[in-house]
Protein backbone atom coordinates (compact mmCIF):
# COMPACT_ATOMS: atom_id res chain seq x y z
CA MET A 1 31.88 -37.85 17.90
CA ASN A 2 31.33 -35.70 14.80
CA VAL A 3 29.62 -32.42 15.69
CA ASP A 4 29.78 -29.21 13.66
CA HIS A 5 28.44 -26.80 16.34
CA GLY A 6 26.83 -24.36 13.94
CA TRP A 7 29.35 -24.15 11.11
CA PHE A 8 26.37 -24.11 8.77
CA GLY A 9 22.64 -24.68 8.73
CA VAL A 10 19.86 -25.33 6.25
CA ASP A 11 16.98 -22.88 5.89
CA ASP A 12 13.29 -23.62 5.30
CA ASP A 13 13.90 -23.66 1.53
CA TYR A 14 16.64 -26.30 2.00
CA ARG A 15 19.40 -23.81 1.15
CA ILE A 16 22.73 -23.66 2.96
CA VAL A 17 23.14 -20.88 5.53
CA ILE A 18 26.63 -19.85 6.68
CA PRO A 19 27.10 -17.67 9.80
CA TRP A 20 29.49 -15.31 7.97
CA GLU A 21 31.07 -13.44 10.86
CA CYS A 22 31.69 -16.67 12.76
CA PHE A 23 33.39 -18.59 10.01
CA LYS A 24 36.85 -17.61 8.84
CA GLU A 25 38.73 -19.92 6.53
CA GLU A 26 41.00 -20.19 3.57
CA ALA A 27 40.10 -22.85 1.07
CA VAL A 28 42.56 -25.56 0.23
CA VAL A 29 44.12 -25.00 -3.18
CA GLU A 30 41.74 -25.98 -6.01
CA SER A 31 38.73 -26.38 -3.75
CA ARG A 32 35.75 -24.29 -2.72
CA GLY A 33 35.72 -22.45 0.55
CA MET A 34 32.85 -23.13 2.91
CA MET A 35 31.38 -19.67 2.40
CA GLN A 36 30.94 -20.30 -1.31
CA PHE A 37 28.17 -22.77 -0.50
CA GLU A 38 25.94 -20.02 0.99
CA GLY A 39 22.51 -20.09 -0.61
CA GLU A 40 22.97 -23.33 -2.54
CA ARG A 41 20.06 -25.71 -2.35
CA ILE A 42 20.93 -29.10 -0.89
CA GLU A 43 20.12 -32.24 -2.82
CA LEU A 44 16.91 -33.65 -1.43
CA PRO A 45 16.03 -37.34 -1.11
CA ARG A 46 13.62 -38.77 -3.65
CA GLU A 47 11.42 -40.29 -0.99
CA GLU A 48 9.62 -37.84 1.28
CA ARG A 49 10.04 -40.12 4.29
CA PHE A 50 13.80 -39.37 4.21
CA MET A 51 13.35 -35.57 4.17
CA SER A 52 14.65 -33.58 7.10
CA SER A 53 11.81 -31.97 8.98
CA LEU A 54 11.60 -28.19 8.85
CA GLU A 55 11.08 -28.28 12.61
CA GLY A 56 14.39 -30.11 13.06
CA LEU A 57 16.23 -27.70 10.76
CA ARG A 58 14.79 -24.72 12.66
CA TRP A 59 15.76 -26.28 16.00
CA TYR A 60 19.33 -26.72 14.82
CA ARG A 61 19.60 -23.11 13.57
CA GLU A 62 18.17 -21.79 16.82
CA ARG A 63 20.32 -24.10 18.98
CA TRP A 64 23.56 -23.00 17.32
CA GLY A 65 22.55 -19.45 16.43
CA VAL A 66 22.95 -19.98 12.69
CA ARG A 67 21.42 -16.96 11.00
CA GLN A 68 21.98 -15.86 7.45
CA LYS A 69 24.32 -12.89 7.24
CA TYR A 70 24.32 -12.47 11.02
CA CYS A 71 26.79 -13.45 13.69
CA CYS A 72 26.10 -16.52 15.81
CA PHE A 73 26.01 -16.32 19.61
CA GLN A 74 29.58 -17.59 19.96
CA CYS A 75 31.23 -14.68 18.13
CA PRO A 76 32.61 -11.47 19.55
CA PRO A 77 30.73 -8.33 18.44
CA ARG A 78 31.53 -7.25 14.91
CA VAL A 79 33.57 -4.06 14.63
CA THR A 80 32.50 -1.80 11.79
CA GLY A 81 33.86 1.39 10.34
CA LEU A 82 37.51 0.30 10.28
CA GLY A 83 39.43 0.94 7.09
């Protein structure tokens, strides 16, 4: 089973949303890190019948707590003011 559990979402403008505080990674040499995709518009199908529904995209974001620039429900509280 291939499930991403909120690693990223797609907003109502079909742009990639990354839950920043929940996603820590180092990119493999000579590749882009996941966070570098934030805000990029996904390639949309030519035929409207293959488009993802905005309702489905919203459901996914709500289900997994994917919010732009905010922590998802699975993260510990963010500590600020250090350093």
